[in-house]
Protein backbone atom coordinates (compact mmCIF):
# COMPACT_ATOMS: atom_id res chain seq x y z
CA MET A 1 113.20 61.57 108.60
CA THR A 2 111.85 64.40 111.00
CA GLU A 3 107.86 65.04 110.12
CA GLN A 4 107.28 61.39 108.62
CA PHE A 5 103.99 61.04 106.44
CA PRO A 6 102.37 58.38 108.70
CA PHE A 7 101.30 55.78 105.74
CA ILE A 8 100.42 52.42 107.48
CA ALA A 9 97.96 54.66 109.89
CA GLU A 10 94.40 54.27 110.56
CA THR A 11 94.06 57.48 108.74
CA SER A 12 97.16 58.55 106.63
CA SER A 13 97.76 61.37 103.82
CA LEU A 14 100.35 61.44 101.09
CA PRO A 15 101.36 64.49 99.27
CA LEU A 16 100.85 64.25 95.15
CA LEU A 17 102.50 66.12 92.44
CA SER A 18 100.18 68.81 90.74
CA SER A 19 102.44 71.17 89.17
CA MET A 20 105.22 72.94 88.56
CA CYS A 21 106.32 75.46 86.96
CA ARG A 22 109.76 78.17 86.00
CA VAL A 23 108.11 81.83 85.60
CA ARG A 24 110.28 84.92 84.45
CA ARG A 25 109.10 88.38 83.90
CA GLY A 26 110.84 91.70 83.55
CA GLU A 27 110.72 94.71 85.14
CA ASN A 28 107.61 96.54 86.36
CA PHE A 29 106.67 92.59 87.61
CA ARG A 30 103.52 92.96 89.57
CA VAL A 31 100.95 90.36 91.47
CA GLN A 32 97.67 91.87 92.97
CA GLY A 33 95.12 90.39 95.44
CA LYS A 34 96.08 86.38 93.78
CA THR A 35 94.37 83.44 96.11
CA VAL A 36 96.26 80.25 95.95
CA SER A 37 93.98 76.76 95.49
CA ARG A 38 96.69 74.27 96.22
CA PRO A 39 99.30 74.33 98.57
CA MET A 40 102.53 75.13 97.18
CA LEU A 41 106.22 75.65 97.15
CA CYS A 42 107.88 78.93 95.83
CA LEU A 43 111.76 78.92 95.55
CA ILE A 44 113.09 82.90 94.25
CA LEU A 45 115.74 81.97 91.54
CA GLN A 46 116.27 85.37 90.41
CA GLY A 47 115.66 88.93 91.46
CA ASP A 48 114.36 90.61 94.72
CA GLY A 49 111.17 92.19 95.89
CA VAL A 50 108.22 92.44 97.52
CA LEU A 51 106.45 89.70 98.70
CA VAL A 52 103.11 90.01 100.63
CA LEU A 53 101.19 86.72 102.53
CA ASN A 54 98.19 87.10 103.43
CA ASP A 55 98.46 90.71 104.36
CA THR A 56 102.59 90.05 106.40
CA VAL A 57 105.09 91.40 104.59
CA TYR A 58 108.41 89.54 103.64
CA THR A 59 111.87 90.47 101.31
CA ALA A 60 112.06 87.95 98.96
CA GLN A 61 115.58 87.60 97.29
CA ALA A 62 117.43 84.72 94.93
CA GLY A 63 117.05 81.32 97.75
CA SER A 64 113.99 82.29 99.18
CA LEU A 65 111.69 79.62 99.60
CA PHE A 66 108.62 80.16 100.23
CA VAL A 67 105.44 77.60 102.26
CA LEU A 68 102.17 78.61 100.30
CA LYS A 69 99.18 77.41 102.14
CA PRO A 70 95.70 76.82 100.11
CA GLY A 71 93.29 80.33 100.77
CA THR A 72 97.12 82.72 101.00
CA THR A 73 96.55 85.13 99.02
CA ILE A 74 99.45 86.81 97.35
CA GLU A 75 100.51 90.46 96.79
CA ALA A 76 104.45 90.75 94.95
CA ALA A 77 106.19 93.35 93.24
CA ALA A 78 109.88 93.25 92.14
CA ARG A 79 112.78 95.46 91.92
CA SER A 80 114.87 94.41 90.05
CA ASN A 81 114.91 93.46 85.89
CA VAL A 82 114.76 90.40 85.81
CA THR A 83 112.71 87.86 88.87
CA GLU A 84 112.25 83.71 88.37
CA CYS A 85 110.70 81.15 90.27
CA ILE A 86 109.36 78.21 90.46
CA LEU A 87 105.93 77.19 91.97
CA LEU A 88 105.43 74.30 93.22
CA SER A 89 101.22 73.39 93.46
CA MET A 90 100.71 69.41 95.26
CA ASP A 91 97.68 67.17 95.81
CA THR A 92 97.91 65.82 99.17
CA VAL A 93 95.32 62.65 99.66
CA CYS A 94 94.22 61.05 102.92
CA LEU A 95 94.20 57.23 103.09
CA GLN A 96 91.53 55.68 105.41
CA GLN A 97 91.24 52.92 106.72
CA VAL A 98 87.50 51.71 107.52
CA ARG A 99 87.48 47.49 108.12
CA GLY A 100 90.10 46.55 106.52
CA GLU A 101 90.08 48.31 103.42
CA TRP A 102 91.97 51.68 102.25
CA LYS A 103 89.87 54.71 100.71
CA MET A 104 91.03 57.79 99.03
CA THR A 105 90.26 61.34 99.59
CA SER A 106 91.59 64.15 98.50
CA SER A 107 92.20 66.95 100.80
CA PRO A 108 93.09 71.04 100.20
CA ALA A 109 95.36 70.86 103.44
CA PHE A 110 99.62 71.44 103.53
CA PRO A 111 100.82 67.52 104.05
CA LEU A 112 103.02 68.69 106.97
CA ASP A 113 102.69 70.71 109.69
CA TRP A 114 103.84 74.22 108.25
CA GLU A 115 102.67 77.95 108.46
CA THR A 116 102.89 79.79 105.30
CA GLY A 117 105.70 82.48 105.51
CA ARG A 118 109.10 82.50 104.70
CA LEU A 119 111.03 78.56 104.71
CA LEU A 120 114.24 78.96 106.07
CA VAL A 121 116.78 75.61 105.61
CA ARG A 122 120.37 74.81 106.04
CA HIS A 123 122.09 73.55 103.13
CA GLU A 124 119.84 75.78 101.22
CA GLN A 125 121.53 75.79 97.49
CA GLN A 126 120.59 71.62 98.26
CA ALA A 127 117.30 72.52 98.54
CA VAL A 128 117.42 75.02 95.58
CA LEU A 129 119.26 71.89 93.75
CA ARG A 130 116.99 69.65 94.72
CA LEU A 131 113.82 71.68 93.62
CA GLU A 132 115.46 72.52 90.36
CA GLN A 133 115.92 68.48 89.52
CA LEU A 134 112.45 67.68 90.52
CA TYR A 135 110.90 70.47 88.06
CA GLU A 136 113.45 68.54 84.94
CA THR A 137 111.59 65.41 86.15
CA TYR A 138 108.50 66.69 86.15
CA ARG A 139 108.84 68.49 82.37
CA GLY A 140 109.87 64.67 81.04
CA LEU A 141 113.68 65.14 80.52
CA GLN A 142 114.36 62.64 82.30
CA PRO A 143 113.63 58.37 81.77
CA ASP A 144 111.36 57.08 84.08
CA HIS A 145 110.46 60.41 85.38
CA PHE A 146 106.59 59.06 86.32
CA ILE A 147 107.45 56.27 88.52
CA SER A 148 110.46 58.55 90.82
CA ILE A 149 108.18 62.18 90.75
CA HIS A 150 106.06 61.58 93.39
CA SER A 151 109.26 59.65 95.20
CA GLN A 152 111.14 62.51 95.01
CA LEU A 153 108.47 65.06 95.84
CA HIS A 154 108.28 62.94 99.05
CA GLU A 155 112.61 63.53 98.61
CA LEU A 156 111.93 66.85 98.82
CA LEU A 157 110.08 67.04 101.61
CA GLN A 158 112.34 65.05 103.74
CA PHE A 159 115.09 66.77 102.88
CA LEU A 160 113.44 70.10 103.91
CA SER A 161 111.48 68.85 107.41
CA GLU A 162 115.06 67.85 107.87
CA ASN A 163 117.13 71.43 107.49
CA ARG A 164 113.92 73.42 108.91
CA LEU A 165 115.43 76.27 110.84
CA GLU A 166 113.72 78.71 113.81
CA ALA A 167 113.80 82.05 113.14
CA ASN A 168 117.08 82.50 115.16
CA HIS A 169 118.51 79.57 112.59
CA GLU A 170 118.73 77.46 115.09
CA LYS A 171 117.74 73.68 114.25
CA VAL A 172 114.03 72.85 114.58
CA ASP A 173 114.06 69.85 116.78
CA PRO A 174 111.06 67.44 115.35
CA ALA A 175 110.94 66.50 118.97
CA LEU A 176 110.31 69.57 120.47
CA GLU A 177 107.72 70.45 117.99
CA ARG A 178 106.03 67.39 118.78
CA SER A 179 105.45 68.70 122.42
CA ILE A 180 104.18 72.65 120.86
CA MET A 181 101.21 70.20 118.84
CA TYR A 182 100.55 68.78 122.33
CA MET A 183 99.93 72.55 123.61
CA ARG A 184 98.28 73.20 121.47
CA ARG A 185 95.85 70.91 121.31
CA TYR A 186 95.50 69.72 125.65
CA MET A 187 95.95 73.63 126.76
CA SER A 188 92.30 73.63 128.37
CA GLU A 189 94.05 71.34 129.98
CA GLY A 190 96.14 70.67 133.31
CA ILE A 191 100.45 70.70 131.94
CA SER A 192 103.09 69.95 133.04
CA MET A 193 106.64 69.44 133.11
CA ASP A 194 106.52 66.02 132.66
CA GLN A 195 104.69 64.45 130.38
CA LEU A 196 105.31 67.48 127.61
CA ALA A 197 109.70 66.00 128.38
CA LYS A 198 108.49 62.56 128.28
CA ILE A 199 106.77 63.36 124.97
CA ALA A 200 109.73 64.36 123.45
CA GLY A 201 111.80 62.39 125.07
CA LEU A 202 113.83 64.15 127.07
CA THR A 203 114.33 64.45 130.99
CA PRO A 204 112.57 67.30 131.98
CA SER A 205 116.14 69.74 132.88
CA SER A 206 117.29 68.65 129.25
CA TYR A 207 113.68 69.59 128.15
CA SER A 208 113.58 73.28 128.99
CA ARG A 209 117.28 74.03 128.00
CA SER A 210 116.90 72.73 124.69
CA PHE A 211 113.40 74.66 124.45
CA LYS A 212 114.61 77.34 125.96
CA LYS A 213 117.36 78.30 123.24
CA ALA A 214 115.45 77.10 120.22
CA LYS A 215 112.20 79.23 121.08
CA GLY A 216 113.63 82.13 123.48
CA MET A 217 111.88 80.81 126.12
CA SER A 218 110.91 78.40 129.20
CA PRO A 219 108.33 75.93 128.22
CA THR A 220 106.30 77.42 130.27
CA ASP A 221 106.02 81.42 129.09
CA TYR A 222 105.60 79.25 126.40
CA LEU A 223 102.33 77.63 126.76
CA ASN A 224 101.39 80.70 128.56
CA ARG A 225 101.74 82.65 125.60
CA LEU A 226 99.67 80.28 123.60
CA ARG A 227 97.05 80.55 125.62
CA ILE A 228 96.66 84.27 126.32
CA LYS A 229 96.43 84.14 122.43
CA GLU A 230 93.54 81.85 121.98
CA ALA A 231 91.81 83.58 124.88
CA LYS A 232 93.01 87.37 122.33
CA LYS A 233 90.31 85.45 119.52
CA GLN A 234 87.78 84.79 121.94
CA LEU A 235 87.26 88.15 123.72
CA THR A 236 86.97 89.06 120.87
CA GLU A 237 83.92 87.42 120.35
CA GLU A 238 80.05 88.58 121.03
CA SER A 239 78.52 87.88 123.99
CA CYS A 240 82.21 86.14 125.74
CA VAL A 241 81.39 85.04 128.99
CA LEU A 242 84.78 85.66 131.15
CA LYS A 243 84.43 82.30 133.15
CA ASP A 244 84.19 80.42 130.21
CA VAL A 245 87.19 81.90 128.05
CA ALA A 246 89.56 81.33 130.41
CA VAL A 247 88.57 77.66 131.51
CA SER A 248 88.77 76.81 127.65
CA VAL A 249 92.26 77.91 127.47
CA GLY A 250 93.56 76.70 131.20
CA TYR A 251 92.93 78.70 133.63
CA GLY A 252 89.99 77.15 135.94
CA ASN A 253 90.77 80.43 138.16
CA GLU A 254 89.13 83.82 136.16
CA TYR A 255 91.27 85.90 138.29
CA TYR A 256 94.62 84.01 137.76
CA PHE A 257 93.37 84.44 133.93
CA SER A 258 93.08 87.84 135.15
CA ARG A 259 96.27 88.42 136.05
CA LYS A 260 98.31 86.49 133.25
CA PHE A 261 96.55 88.32 131.09
CA LYS A 262 97.40 91.74 132.38
CA GLN A 263 100.78 90.70 133.18
CA THR A 264 101.47 89.75 129.52
CA LEU A 265 99.46 92.43 127.12
CA GLY A 266 99.55 94.62 129.94
CA ILE A 267 95.63 95.45 130.40
CA ALA A 268 92.96 93.44 132.19
CA PRO A 269 91.02 91.22 129.68
CA SER A 270 88.02 93.40 130.90
CA VAL A 271 89.20 96.10 128.57
CA TYR A 272 90.60 94.30 125.92
CA MET A 273 87.35 93.29 125.61
CA LYS A 274 85.77 96.46 125.02
CA ARG A 275 89.31 97.74 123.56
CA ASP A 276 87.84 99.52 120.21
CA GLN A 277 85.55 101.78 121.66
CA LEU A 278 88.28 103.03 124.17
CA ARG A 279 89.15 107.30 124.62
CA VAL A 280 92.84 107.20 124.10
CA ALA A 281 95.45 109.59 125.28
CA THR A 282 99.25 109.51 124.70
CA ALA A 283 102.05 109.85 126.27
CA SER A 284 105.23 110.14 124.16
CA ILE A 285 108.39 112.01 122.40
CA MET A 286 107.99 109.38 119.56
CA GLY A 287 105.11 110.32 118.29
CA PHE A 288 102.42 107.17 119.60
CA HIS A 289 99.86 109.60 118.30
CA GLU A 290 101.08 109.82 114.57
CA ASN A 291 100.47 105.85 115.07
CA LEU A 292 97.04 105.88 116.11
CA ALA A 293 96.34 108.23 113.30
CA SER A 294 97.92 105.74 110.88
CA LEU A 295 95.90 103.18 112.29
CA GLY A 296 92.79 105.65 111.72
CA LEU A 297 91.98 106.81 115.84
CA ARG A 298 92.56 110.23 116.90
CA PRO A 299 93.51 110.72 120.26
CA VAL A 300 91.52 111.87 123.06
CA ALA A 301 95.18 113.73 124.99
CA VAL A 302 98.26 114.16 123.28
CA LEU A 303 101.44 114.21 125.59
CA GLU A 304 104.16 114.84 123.93
CA GLY A 305 106.84 116.21 126.37
CA GLU A 306 107.53 119.10 124.31
CA GLY A 307 110.48 120.57 125.79
CA VAL A 308 110.20 118.06 128.89
CA PHE A 309 112.86 116.03 128.11
CA ASP A 310 115.07 119.63 126.67
CA ARG A 311 118.45 119.73 127.56
CA GLU A 312 118.78 123.89 127.21
CA SER A 313 114.99 124.21 129.08
CA ASP A 314 115.84 125.17 132.63
CA GLU A 315 114.00 122.66 136.02
CA TYR A 316 111.71 125.61 136.56
CA GLU A 317 110.24 126.06 132.93
CA GLN A 318 110.26 122.08 131.90
CA GLU A 319 107.88 121.27 135.15
CA ARG A 320 105.57 124.24 133.96
CA ARG A 321 105.22 122.23 130.78
CA LEU A 322 104.59 118.71 132.20
CA THR A 323 102.00 119.98 134.78
CA ARG A 324 100.01 122.24 131.96
CA GLN A 325 100.45 119.24 129.67
CA PHE A 326 99.10 116.97 132.68
CA ASP A 327 96.05 119.32 133.47
CA GLN A 328 95.14 118.24 129.85
CA LEU A 329 95.51 114.69 130.49
CA ARG A 330 93.27 115.03 133.12
CA GLN A 331 90.08 116.88 131.15
CA ALA A 332 90.62 114.45 128.58
CA LYS A 333 89.53 111.39 131.08
CA PRO A 334 91.07 109.16 128.31
CA ASP A 335 89.88 105.28 129.40
CA LEU A 336 93.15 104.56 129.04
CA ILE A 337 96.71 105.95 128.43
CA ILE A 338 99.95 104.76 125.57
CA GLY A 339 103.57 105.82 126.59
CA ASP A 340 106.74 105.37 125.46
CA PHE A 341 109.72 104.72 128.07
CA TYR A 342 110.92 108.31 128.31
CA HIS A 343 107.78 108.35 129.90
CA LYS A 344 108.47 105.75 132.90
CA PRO A 345 109.71 107.88 135.20
CA TYR A 346 105.91 109.67 135.74
CA TYR A 347 103.84 105.73 135.66
CA ASP A 348 102.67 106.91 138.60
CA ARG A 349 101.21 110.11 138.33
CA LEU A 350 99.64 108.99 134.38
CA LYS A 351 98.20 105.68 135.77
CA SER A 352 96.63 108.12 138.52
CA ILE A 353 94.61 109.59 135.49
CA ALA A 354 93.64 106.62 133.86
CA PRO A 355 94.93 102.69 133.10
CA THR A 356 98.36 103.69 132.01
CA ILE A 357 100.85 100.71 129.50
CA ILE A 358 104.48 101.97 129.26
CA LEU A 359 106.65 99.85 125.80
CA GLU A 360 109.38 99.40 126.38
CA SER A 361 112.00 100.31 124.79
CA THR A 362 113.13 98.87 121.32
CA GLU A 363 114.71 99.93 117.85
CA ASP A 364 111.93 97.82 115.43
CA TRP A 365 109.45 100.66 115.38
CA LYS A 366 107.51 97.70 113.66
CA GLU A 367 106.80 96.03 117.06
CA ASN A 368 105.76 99.32 119.12
CA HIS A 369 103.39 100.05 116.02
CA ILE A 370 101.45 96.73 116.26
CA ARG A 371 101.99 96.55 119.56
CA ILE A 372 99.42 99.67 119.95
CA ALA A 373 97.56 98.59 116.99
CA GLU A 374 96.49 95.20 119.25
CA LEU A 375 95.95 97.57 122.63
CA VAL A 376 93.10 100.16 120.43
CA GLY A 377 91.77 96.62 118.33
CA ARG A 378 93.75 97.72 114.61
CA GLU A 379 95.44 94.97 114.34
CA LYS A 380 94.62 94.58 110.91
CA GLN A 381 95.35 97.86 110.09
CA ALA A 382 98.43 98.35 111.30
CA LEU A 383 99.70 95.02 108.85
CA LEU A 384 97.93 97.32 105.40
CA ASN A 385 100.16 99.53 106.76
CA PHE A 386 103.45 97.83 106.64
CA LYS A 387 101.91 96.19 103.17
CA GLU A 388 101.46 100.37 101.71
CA LEU A 389 104.32 101.24 102.98
CA GLU A 390 107.11 98.30 101.66
CA PHE A 391 105.32 99.31 98.14
CA ARG A 392 105.84 102.65 98.02
CA LYS A 393 109.62 102.31 99.66
CA LEU A 394 110.38 100.14 96.55
CA GLU A 395 108.69 102.96 93.96
CA ALA A 396 110.60 105.62 95.71
CA SER A 397 114.78 103.93 95.75
CA LEU A 398 113.40 102.58 91.93
CA ASN A 399 112.95 106.83 91.71
CA LEU A 400 116.07 108.04 94.31
CA GLN A 401 118.49 105.36 92.65
CA PRO A 402 119.17 107.21 88.94
CA TYR A 403 119.75 110.32 91.62
CA PHE A 404 121.92 109.59 94.59
CA GLY A 405 123.23 106.51 92.86
CA GLN A 406 126.74 105.68 94.82
CA LYS A 407 126.60 109.94 95.88
CA ARG A 408 127.42 109.75 99.97
CA LEU A 409 124.23 111.27 102.52
CA ALA A 410 125.22 112.51 105.71
CA LEU A 411 122.33 114.46 108.21
CA MET A 412 122.92 117.37 110.89
CA GLU A 413 121.06 118.81 113.43
CA VAL A 414 121.06 122.75 114.07
CA THR A 415 120.24 123.31 117.57
CA ASN A 416 120.25 126.67 119.99
CA GLN A 417 123.78 125.63 121.11
CA SER A 418 126.06 123.37 118.59
CA ILE A 419 125.29 121.04 115.51
CA ARG A 420 124.57 117.25 115.58
CA LEU A 421 126.54 115.04 112.87
CA LYS A 422 123.83 111.95 113.21
CA GLY A 423 126.31 108.72 112.94
CA THR A 424 125.49 105.30 110.92
CA GLY A 425 124.66 103.25 114.67
CA GLU A 426 121.52 100.90 114.74
CA HIS A 427 118.96 102.86 114.60
CA PRO A 428 115.23 102.66 112.74
CA LEU A 429 116.11 105.38 110.37
CA ASN A 430 119.61 104.58 108.99
CA HIS A 431 118.38 101.06 108.52
CA LEU A 432 115.65 102.96 106.44
CA LEU A 433 118.01 104.94 104.36
CA TYR A 434 121.08 102.78 104.13
CA ALA A 435 119.38 98.89 104.47
CA GLU A 436 116.76 99.80 102.59
CA LEU A 437 116.67 101.96 100.46
CA GLY A 438 120.39 101.45 99.53
CA LEU A 439 122.16 105.49 99.73
CA GLN A 440 124.97 106.05 100.84
CA PRO A 441 126.03 107.20 104.42
CA ALA A 442 129.01 109.93 104.63
CA GLN A 443 131.90 108.63 107.06
CA LEU A 444 131.65 111.47 109.07
CA VAL A 445 130.98 109.17 112.42
CA SER A 446 132.17 106.49 113.87
CA PRO A 447 129.70 103.25 112.86
CA GLN A 448 129.49 102.96 116.18
CA SER A 449 127.93 106.51 117.64
CA SER A 450 124.07 107.84 117.00
CA ARG A 451 125.67 110.90 117.14
CA ASN A 452 129.04 113.37 117.19
CA GLU A 453 128.62 117.03 119.03
CA TYR A 454 130.66 120.11 117.61
CA VAL A 455 130.33 123.85 118.62
CA ALA A 456 129.69 125.88 115.14
CA ASP A 457 133.18 126.78 114.84
CA SER A 458 134.77 123.65 115.30
CA ILE A 459 133.32 121.48 112.74
CA PRO A 460 134.50 118.52 110.96
CA VAL A 461 135.46 119.03 107.40
CA LEU A 462 132.22 117.70 104.72
CA ASP A 463 132.78 115.50 103.21
CA THR A 464 129.89 114.66 101.82
CA ASP A 465 127.93 114.83 98.73
CA TYR A 466 124.17 115.43 99.80
CA LEU A 467 123.95 117.15 103.72
CA LEU A 468 120.34 117.39 104.76
CA ILE A 469 119.34 119.61 108.04
CA HIS A 470 117.24 119.60 110.82
CA ARG A 471 116.64 122.83 111.96
CA ALA A 472 115.45 121.53 115.70
CA SER A 473 115.37 125.42 117.10
CA LEU A 474 114.08 127.94 115.13
CA GLN A 475 115.16 131.09 117.75
CA PRO A 476 117.89 133.27 117.70
CA ALA A 477 120.14 131.14 119.11
CA SER A 478 119.75 128.56 116.49
CA GLU A 479 120.49 131.30 113.78
CA LYS A 480 123.45 132.33 115.47
CA VAL A 481 124.63 129.08 115.32
CA PHE A 482 124.37 128.01 112.13
CA ARG A 483 124.92 131.31 110.62
CA ARG A 484 128.94 130.60 112.64
CA MET A 485 128.86 126.79 111.35
CA LYS A 486 128.34 128.55 107.74
CA GLN A 487 132.17 131.09 108.13
CA THR A 488 134.15 127.75 108.87
CA ALA A 489 136.93 125.96 106.01
CA SER A 490 134.80 122.96 106.66
CA TRP A 491 131.48 124.34 105.42
CA ASN A 492 132.60 125.85 102.16
CA ARG A 493 134.84 123.44 101.24
CA SER A 494 132.58 120.36 101.46
CA PRO A 495 130.92 119.03 98.20
CA ALA A 496 127.58 119.42 98.92
CA VAL A 497 128.32 123.17 99.45
CA LEU A 498 130.10 123.80 96.73
CA TYR A 499 127.47 121.84 94.21
CA GLY A 500 124.18 123.21 96.22
CA ASN A 501 123.18 119.82 97.51
CA VAL A 502 122.24 121.30 100.81
CA HIS A 503 119.30 120.42 101.65
CA ASP A 504 116.39 121.44 104.87
CA ILE A 505 114.76 118.27 105.89
CA SER A 506 111.91 117.45 108.17
CA ASN A 507 112.74 115.29 112.39
CA TRP A 508 113.37 112.68 110.63
CA GLN A 509 115.01 111.45 113.95
CA ARG A 510 111.19 111.33 115.20
CA LEU A 511 109.58 110.54 111.63
CA CYS A 512 111.15 107.28 111.34
CA TRP A 513 108.99 105.27 113.94
CA THR A 514 105.51 105.77 112.06
CA PRO A 515 104.02 104.60 109.29
CA GLY A 516 102.68 107.98 108.53
CA GLY A 517 106.35 109.48 109.04
CA ARG A 518 108.65 107.22 106.98
CA LEU A 519 105.98 107.71 104.33
CA GLN A 520 106.94 111.90 105.12
CA ILE A 521 111.11 110.67 104.87
CA LEU A 522 110.21 109.25 101.27
CA ASN A 523 108.04 112.17 100.11
CA GLU A 524 111.44 114.59 101.63
CA LEU A 525 114.29 112.68 99.50
CA GLU A 526 112.18 112.68 95.88
CA GLN A 527 111.03 115.90 96.53
CA ILE A 528 114.77 116.66 96.66
CA THR A 529 115.70 114.64 93.47
CA GLN A 530 112.81 116.80 91.55
CA GLN A 531 114.32 120.53 93.57
CA SER A 532 117.80 119.54 91.93
CA VAL A 533 116.65 118.71 88.92
CA VAL A 534 114.52 122.18 88.27
CA PHE A 535 117.11 123.99 89.82
CA PRO A 536 120.04 122.09 88.92
CA GLN A 537 123.19 123.16 91.79
CA ALA A 538 121.01 125.33 93.30
CA GLY A 539 120.80 123.69 96.78
CA LEU A 540 118.30 124.69 99.48
CA ILE A 541 119.92 126.05 101.93
CA GLY A 542 123.79 126.67 101.34
CA HIS A 543 124.30 129.94 100.74
C-alpha cells in the first residue's frame, strides 16, 4: 500500500465508514455555504458545474473526485439539467497504546495526508466502480455487508493512494511525499540533499531527477518555497520580529533570508510586512489598475503606456507622452510600482521612482491577479473575485446558449490603417468565449494565429453568423478604413451583415485580463442578445 495506516505503531489511526448517500438533483441545483463536519469524499457521477471549496474554484464534471476535510465550506451551482453524486463520510478512530493497553478515541482529521480539493487518480473508471460497489454494500444489498464494509473502505483508500496523480498527471511517489513531509516538519533545521534522498530511499542524483520530474522544480527550490510560504504567514502576524522569522523557517541569517524572500516575491520582507498600507502605482497596458480596483484598492498613479506602444504613433510623440506619464508617476510618490512585461525596458526608470516589480508574461490572467493581490495583501478578495466570476459566467452561459447556439462568432478590430481579424489561438479571451462559454468560432483565421491583418478592401469573405467589432480609434482615418471595408463584396455577402448580427464591442482583448473586465464582457454579450430580441435583424453598425 502506498500510504499505510500504521495499525501496529504506538499511535495508530483507523478510518471507519460513517455514512454514504447518493444525491440526485434537477435543474438550477445550488449549494450555498455548507460546512463539512467529517472527512468526506465526493464523486460526481453525472452533470457538470462549479464547485467552490474554501473559496477555491473547481470545475465539477462526471468522474471528478473531491476530498473534503472537516471545516471545508462548500458552494456549488450546476450547469446541467441533472446532477448526481455520491457522498462518503468517514470517522477516524485513533488507537494509542498506553502501558500495554490500547485506548481508542475519535479524531476529526482526514485519515490520509490529502489536501481539500480535486483528487486526481489513474484508472478513473475503476475508482468510480469501487465507490459504487461500496455504496451498494452500504445499502445492504450484499451478504455480510456489516463485516466487509470497513475493509472495502480501506481497499478503496488504498487504491486511491496507489493511483494518486500530481497536478502534472505524473504518478505520486510515496517516497518523495515522505521527504516533503520531512521538509515541512524540520524546515527550521539544516536539511541536506543526502538526508532527503535517504528518506526517499534513493541516491541523491536519482532523488533530484525524480523530484524535478514530479514537482517541476528541484528539491532545494521546493524547500525554499515551503520556507517562504511559512515566512509569509508569520510576517502578517502582529509584533513579529524579522530575525525570529528567519530563524524559525531555517534561514539563520536574516540578510540571507531577506535576499531569498525578495528573489521569490520581488519585494523585501520589511515591505511585505506593511503591504496592505502601501501607496501603489501601476505601469501596465494590461489593466493592472483595474486588478487593483477589483481588490478594493485605488492606485496613486497609473502609467498605461497610452500611445507609447502604438505602432501608428511616431517616436517623438511616443517619447513625449512617456515623459509626461513618468512625471505624473514621480509626483505621486508611490511606495511600490507594479508593471507588466511590456514595461520591462523601462525598469531602471521606474525603479528610480520607487521599488518596482515587473510581472512576467503569462497566458493565465488569474496568475496575474493573485500575484497582484499578494503584493497588496488582498489574497482573500482575489479568491472571492474568482468565485463571483465563476457563478456569473455559469449564469451567462445558460443565458447565451439559447441565442448563440451553434452559430459562428468572429471578432474584428478596426484601426487607423487596417482591419484585424482575431484568431482563435491560445489567449484568455479565446478561452473565455470558446472553452468556458461554449460559443463557436468562425473559421476565418488559423487556430494558431492570434490575428490576421488586412487592408480594408482586401478582407476575406466574412463567413460568420455574428461579427463583433472593436473600434481601436474613432479618428477620421479609422472611419475611412471602416467605410472602405463596408463597400466590399466580402462585407456585404457576410451572413452576419445580411441578418443584422454586427455589433460594436469594447476592447475585449484588454478587458479579459481582469475580473471586472471579464464581467463587462459577459454583460456586453448578454446585451447583444437583448438588443437582438428587441430589434430583430437590425444590428448596431451593420449598414
